[in-house]
Amino acid sequence: MLDFGLEGRAALVTAGAGGIGEGAAIALARAGADVAIADIDARNGERVVGEIRALGRQAQFIDMNALETGQVRAAVASAAQRFGRLDVLVNNVGGVRSRPFLSQNDGNWKRVIDLNLISMLAATQDAIPHMIKGGRGGAIVNVASSEAFRAAPNYSVYAACKAGMTEFTKSMALEFAEHGVRVNCIAPDGIETPGAHPSGDPVERSRHIPLGRWASIHEAGNTIAFLASDLASYVTGATLAVDGGIGAAGGWIRRKDGGWGLT
C-alpha cells in the first residue's frame, strides 16, 4: 500500500463544499489527513464534512465568503486552531460568468480578481507561517484552469487571474523551498463540476477531449492529494494539466469517423 505521508496532517480546502474542492477534500481524507472546508455553501459543506468523518478523519466546516479577504484569513486561522497545525492548503476558490470585455466595469473586474486571485494570496500568506511553525514544511496546491494557457474570449479577466496563479506558484515554490514548503498547481478542464456540467450527446460533447470523456471531481481531487502528499516530495513549482489531453490537443478533435481533425 502506498504511504501518502498525510496521517496526522491537517488540510484546508477553500470552496470545498462541491466540485473539485469536494473531490480534493475527500481524497485528502482518504489519504489520511484531517480536513477543514471553507465555503459559503453551508448545506453542502456539512455534507462533505460528514463524508470525511465517515472515513475516520476529523473535519470542520468554516463559513467563508471568498470575496472578503478578512474571512479568508479567518478561515486559515480557524483551521489551524481546530487541528493544532496546518500542513496542506488547497486554493480552490474560483469562478466567472461569460461577459465581453467592453461590457465590463471596474466592479466586474474587481469581483473576478478578488475571487480568483486575491483570495489565494490572502490564504497563502496566512497559511505558510503555520506550515513553517509546524516544523515539517507543508504543501500548497493552487487550482488554476486550462484558461491560464490559452485565449479565453469573454473570460479575459478570469484567464489573466488563472495565468497569474501559475506564475505565483513558481515564485512561492522558490521563496519557501528552504522551509520545506512545496507549492504546485493544477490546470483542470473537462471536469464534471456543478458549474460546468456537460449536456447533450455524450459522444459529441467529448469529441474535444482526447481521452473521450469528462472526468469526475474525484479524479481531479486525487491529483491534488498526490501533489499534497509525500509521494510528490520532490515536486514543487509545477503546474500539472488535469484535462484529459485537451491542452496537448491544441485544437485537434476526434472526428465522428474516429480520425482526427482541426477545429
Protein backbone atom coordinates (compact mmCIF):
# COMPACT_ATOMS: atom_id res chain seq x y z
CA MET A 1 0.00 0.00 0.00
CA LEU A 2 1.25 3.47 -0.89
CA ASP A 3 2.11 5.73 2.04
CA PHE A 4 0.91 9.25 1.28
CA GLY A 5 2.54 10.58 4.43
CA LEU A 6 -0.61 12.51 5.35
CA GLU A 7 -1.50 10.69 8.58
CA GLY A 8 -1.68 13.28 11.33
CA ARG A 9 -1.57 16.16 8.84
CA ALA A 10 -4.17 18.91 8.67
CA ALA A 11 -5.53 20.42 5.47
CA LEU A 12 -7.69 23.39 4.49
CA VAL A 13 -9.62 23.33 1.22
CA THR A 14 -11.25 26.56 0.10
CA ALA A 15 -14.52 26.16 -1.82
CA GLY A 16 -14.60 22.57 -0.63
CA ALA A 17 -18.37 22.16 -0.49
CA GLY A 18 -18.64 20.92 -4.07
CA GLY A 19 -16.88 20.41 -7.37
CA ILE A 20 -13.12 19.98 -7.46
CA GLY A 21 -12.84 21.20 -3.86
CA GLU A 22 -15.10 18.42 -2.68
CA GLY A 23 -13.06 15.90 -4.63
CA ALA A 24 -9.86 17.25 -3.06
CA ALA A 25 -11.28 17.16 0.47
CA ILE A 26 -12.42 13.54 0.14
CA ALA A 27 -9.15 12.45 -1.47
CA LEU A 28 -7.06 14.10 1.25
CA ALA A 29 -9.15 12.41 3.94
CA ARG A 30 -8.77 9.04 2.25
CA ALA A 31 -5.01 9.63 2.22
CA GLY A 32 -5.06 10.18 5.99
CA ALA A 33 -5.45 13.94 6.51
CA ASP A 34 -7.88 15.79 8.75
CA VAL A 35 -9.67 18.36 6.61
CA ALA A 36 -11.29 21.75 7.08
CA ILE A 37 -13.60 23.07 4.38
CA ALA A 38 -14.12 26.80 3.89
CA ASP A 39 -17.10 27.73 1.74
CA ILE A 40 -20.17 29.93 1.52
CA ASP A 41 -22.39 26.87 0.98
CA ALA A 42 -23.04 25.56 4.49
CA ARG A 43 -25.50 22.86 3.46
CA ASN A 44 -23.16 21.08 1.08
CA GLY A 45 -20.18 21.91 3.25
CA GLU A 46 -21.66 19.99 6.17
CA ARG A 47 -22.48 17.12 3.81
CA VAL A 48 -18.84 16.84 2.76
CA VAL A 49 -17.74 17.15 6.40
CA GLY A 50 -19.96 14.17 7.16
CA GLU A 51 -18.33 12.14 4.40
CA ILE A 52 -14.88 12.97 5.75
CA ARG A 53 -15.84 11.92 9.28
CA ALA A 54 -17.27 8.69 7.89
CA LEU A 55 -13.75 7.97 6.64
CA GLY A 56 -12.48 8.21 10.21
CA ARG A 57 -10.90 11.64 9.88
CA GLN A 58 -11.55 14.87 11.77
CA ALA A 59 -13.38 17.53 9.79
CA GLN A 60 -14.56 21.11 10.15
CA PHE A 61 -16.81 23.39 8.12
CA ILE A 62 -15.91 27.09 8.08
CA ASP A 63 -18.37 29.62 6.71
CA MET A 64 -16.37 31.84 4.34
CA ASN A 65 -17.14 34.40 1.66
CA ALA A 66 -14.03 34.37 -0.52
CA LEU A 67 -14.76 37.92 -1.70
CA GLU A 68 -13.96 39.12 1.83
CA THR A 69 -10.23 38.92 2.47
CA GLY A 70 -10.76 39.07 6.22
CA GLN A 71 -12.95 35.97 6.09
CA VAL A 72 -10.32 34.11 4.07
CA ARG A 73 -7.66 34.91 6.66
CA ALA A 74 -10.03 33.96 9.46
CA ALA A 75 -10.65 30.58 7.80
CA VAL A 76 -6.93 29.81 7.83
CA ALA A 77 -6.69 30.76 11.49
CA SER A 78 -9.76 28.67 12.37
CA ALA A 79 -8.42 25.54 10.65
CA ALA A 80 -5.03 25.88 12.31
CA GLN A 81 -6.65 26.33 15.71
CA ARG A 82 -9.04 23.40 15.23
CA PHE A 83 -6.30 20.91 14.35
CA GLY A 84 -3.39 22.50 16.18
CA ARG A 85 -1.42 22.76 12.94
CA LEU A 86 -1.84 23.35 9.21
CA ASP A 87 0.14 21.29 6.71
CA VAL A 88 -1.82 21.50 3.47
CA LEU A 89 -3.65 24.33 1.74
CA VAL A 90 -5.74 23.85 -1.39
CA ASN A 91 -6.60 27.19 -3.00
CA ASN A 92 -9.64 26.11 -4.96
CA VAL A 93 -11.85 29.20 -4.88
CA GLY A 94 -12.76 30.48 -8.32
CA GLY A 95 -15.47 31.17 -10.83
CA VAL A 96 -16.64 33.52 -13.54
CA ARG A 97 -19.52 34.34 -15.87
CA SER A 98 -19.18 34.93 -19.58
CA ARG A 99 -19.08 38.64 -20.39
CA PRO A 100 -17.43 40.58 -23.25
CA PHE A 101 -14.57 42.71 -22.02
CA LEU A 102 -16.01 46.01 -23.26
CA SER A 103 -19.25 45.43 -21.37
CA GLN A 104 -17.44 45.09 -18.03
CA ASN A 105 -16.77 47.78 -15.45
CA ASP A 106 -14.41 48.20 -12.52
CA GLY A 107 -16.77 46.34 -10.23
CA ASN A 108 -16.89 43.33 -12.56
CA TRP A 109 -13.09 43.19 -12.75
CA LYS A 110 -12.68 43.55 -9.01
CA ARG A 111 -15.11 40.73 -8.24
CA VAL A 112 -13.34 38.31 -10.58
CA ILE A 113 -9.89 39.30 -9.32
CA ASP A 114 -10.90 39.14 -5.65
CA LEU A 115 -12.48 35.73 -6.10
CA ASN A 116 -9.86 34.06 -8.25
CA LEU A 117 -6.60 35.75 -7.29
CA ILE A 118 -6.79 37.83 -4.10
CA SER A 119 -8.36 35.00 -2.08
CA MET A 120 -5.38 32.80 -3.00
CA LEU A 121 -2.88 35.48 -1.99
CA ALA A 122 -4.52 36.00 1.40
CA ALA A 123 -4.88 32.31 2.23
CA THR A 124 -1.31 31.57 1.18
CA GLN A 125 0.17 34.45 3.15
CA ASP A 126 -1.52 33.33 6.35
CA ALA A 127 -1.09 29.57 5.87
CA ILE A 128 2.66 29.45 5.25
CA PRO A 129 3.68 30.69 8.73
CA HIS A 130 1.68 27.82 10.26
CA MET A 131 3.49 25.35 7.99
CA ILE A 132 6.88 26.74 8.94
CA LYS A 133 5.98 26.71 12.64
CA GLY A 134 4.89 23.07 12.38
CA GLY A 135 8.47 22.09 11.57
CA ARG A 136 7.57 19.61 8.82
CA GLY A 137 7.11 22.01 5.95
CA GLY A 138 3.89 21.80 4.03
CA ALA A 139 2.21 21.71 0.67
CA ILE A 140 0.06 24.19 -1.21
CA VAL A 141 -1.91 23.25 -4.30
CA ASN A 142 -3.45 26.03 -6.36
CA VAL A 143 -6.33 25.22 -8.69
CA ALA A 144 -5.99 27.24 -11.89
CA SER A 145 -7.54 26.32 -15.24
CA SER A 146 -6.63 25.47 -18.81
CA GLU A 147 -7.60 29.10 -19.49
CA ALA A 148 -4.27 30.06 -17.94
CA PHE A 149 -2.58 28.87 -21.14
CA ARG A 150 -4.97 29.73 -23.97
CA ALA A 151 -7.15 32.55 -25.23
CA ALA A 152 -10.48 32.90 -23.42
CA PRO A 153 -12.77 35.36 -25.20
CA ASN A 154 -15.47 36.70 -22.85
CA TYR A 155 -13.44 35.34 -19.92
CA SER A 156 -10.39 37.58 -20.29
CA VAL A 157 -10.01 38.79 -16.69
CA TYR A 158 -10.58 35.27 -15.37
CA ALA A 159 -7.91 33.91 -17.70
CA ALA A 160 -5.50 36.63 -16.56
CA CYS A 161 -6.10 35.61 -12.94
CA LYS A 162 -5.50 31.94 -13.69
CA ALA A 163 -2.30 32.75 -15.57
CA GLY A 164 -1.24 34.79 -12.55
CA MET A 165 -1.86 31.79 -10.31
CA THR A 166 0.57 29.65 -12.25
CA GLU A 167 3.33 32.26 -12.05
CA PHE A 168 2.62 32.93 -8.37
CA THR A 169 3.01 29.19 -7.80
CA LYS A 170 6.55 29.28 -9.20
CA SER A 171 7.57 32.27 -7.11
CA MET A 172 6.22 30.80 -3.88
CA ALA A 173 7.93 27.49 -4.61
CA LEU A 174 11.28 29.29 -4.70
CA GLU A 175 10.66 31.62 -1.77
CA PHE A 176 9.72 28.87 0.64
CA ALA A 177 11.70 25.87 -0.59
CA GLU A 178 14.20 26.32 2.25
CA HIS A 179 11.37 25.78 4.71
CA GLY A 180 10.21 22.57 3.06
CA VAL A 181 7.00 24.17 1.80
CA ARG A 182 6.16 22.90 -1.67
CA VAL A 183 3.83 24.89 -3.93
CA ASN A 184 2.24 23.38 -7.01
CA CYS A 185 -0.72 23.99 -9.25
CA ILE A 186 -3.18 22.08 -11.40
CA ALA A 187 -4.83 23.31 -14.60
CA PRO A 188 -8.09 21.37 -14.90
CA ASP A 189 -10.51 21.13 -17.80
CA GLY A 190 -13.24 18.72 -18.77
CA ILE A 191 -14.24 18.10 -15.13
CA GLU A 192 -17.90 17.41 -14.34
CA THR A 193 -18.44 20.19 -11.82
CA PRO A 194 -21.76 21.88 -10.99
CA GLY A 195 -20.60 24.99 -12.82
CA ALA A 196 -19.55 23.16 -15.97
CA HIS A 197 -21.83 20.16 -16.15
CA PRO A 198 -21.73 18.70 -19.67
CA SER A 199 -25.01 18.23 -21.51
CA GLY A 200 -26.12 16.78 -24.80
CA ASP A 201 -24.93 13.67 -26.58
CA PRO A 202 -22.09 12.10 -24.52
CA VAL A 203 -20.04 11.25 -27.61
CA GLU A 204 -20.46 14.65 -29.26
CA ARG A 205 -19.67 16.64 -26.11
CA SER A 206 -16.45 14.68 -25.57
CA ARG A 207 -15.00 14.96 -29.08
CA HIS A 208 -12.61 17.71 -27.98
CA ILE A 209 -11.23 15.56 -25.15
CA PRO A 210 -8.57 13.07 -26.33
CA LEU A 211 -9.46 10.61 -23.55
CA GLY A 212 -13.01 10.72 -24.87
CA ARG A 213 -14.85 11.53 -21.64
CA TRP A 214 -15.36 14.11 -18.91
CA ALA A 215 -13.67 13.44 -15.58
CA SER A 216 -15.22 13.18 -12.15
CA ILE A 217 -14.39 15.62 -9.37
CA HIS A 218 -12.67 12.74 -7.58
CA GLU A 219 -10.16 12.28 -10.40
CA ALA A 220 -9.16 15.92 -10.03
CA GLY A 221 -9.14 15.52 -6.25
CA ASN A 222 -6.82 12.52 -6.44
CA THR A 223 -4.29 14.60 -8.36
CA ILE A 224 -4.45 17.33 -5.72
CA ALA A 225 -3.97 14.78 -2.93
CA PHE A 226 -0.94 13.37 -4.77
CA LEU A 227 0.68 16.80 -5.06
CA ALA A 228 -0.03 17.50 -1.39
CA SER A 229 1.41 14.19 -0.26
CA ASP A 230 4.88 12.84 0.34
CA LEU A 231 4.55 10.89 -2.91
CA ALA A 232 5.29 14.22 -4.59
CA SER A 233 8.01 15.20 -2.12
CA TYR A 234 10.38 16.32 -4.91
CA VAL A 235 7.76 18.22 -6.92
CA THR A 236 7.47 21.98 -6.47
CA GLY A 237 6.81 24.95 -8.74
CA ALA A 238 4.97 22.76 -11.24
CA THR A 239 1.61 23.11 -12.94
CA LEU A 240 0.03 19.81 -13.90
CA ALA A 241 -2.68 19.65 -16.57
CA VAL A 242 -5.66 17.58 -15.44
CA ASP A 243 -7.62 17.83 -18.65
CA GLY A 244 -7.79 14.50 -20.47
CA GLY A 245 -5.30 15.82 -23.04
CA ILE A 246 -7.24 18.96 -24.06
CA GLY A 247 -4.23 21.22 -23.71
CA ALA A 248 -2.00 18.85 -25.62
CA ALA A 249 -4.55 18.59 -28.43
CA GLY A 250 -4.19 22.27 -29.32
CA GLY A 251 -7.45 22.36 -31.27
CA TRP A 252 -7.40 18.83 -32.64
CA ILE A 253 -10.64 16.92 -32.09
CA ARG A 254 -11.75 13.40 -32.81
CA ARG A 255 -13.93 13.21 -35.93
CA LYS A 256 -17.12 11.20 -35.98
CA ASP A 257 -15.38 8.64 -38.21
CA GLY A 258 -12.80 8.08 -35.49
CA GLY A 259 -9.97 10.08 -37.09
CA TRP A 260 -8.57 13.43 -36.05
CA GLY A 261 -9.14 16.91 -37.47
CA LEU A 262 -8.54 20.52 -36.52
CA THR A 263 -11.40 22.66 -35.30
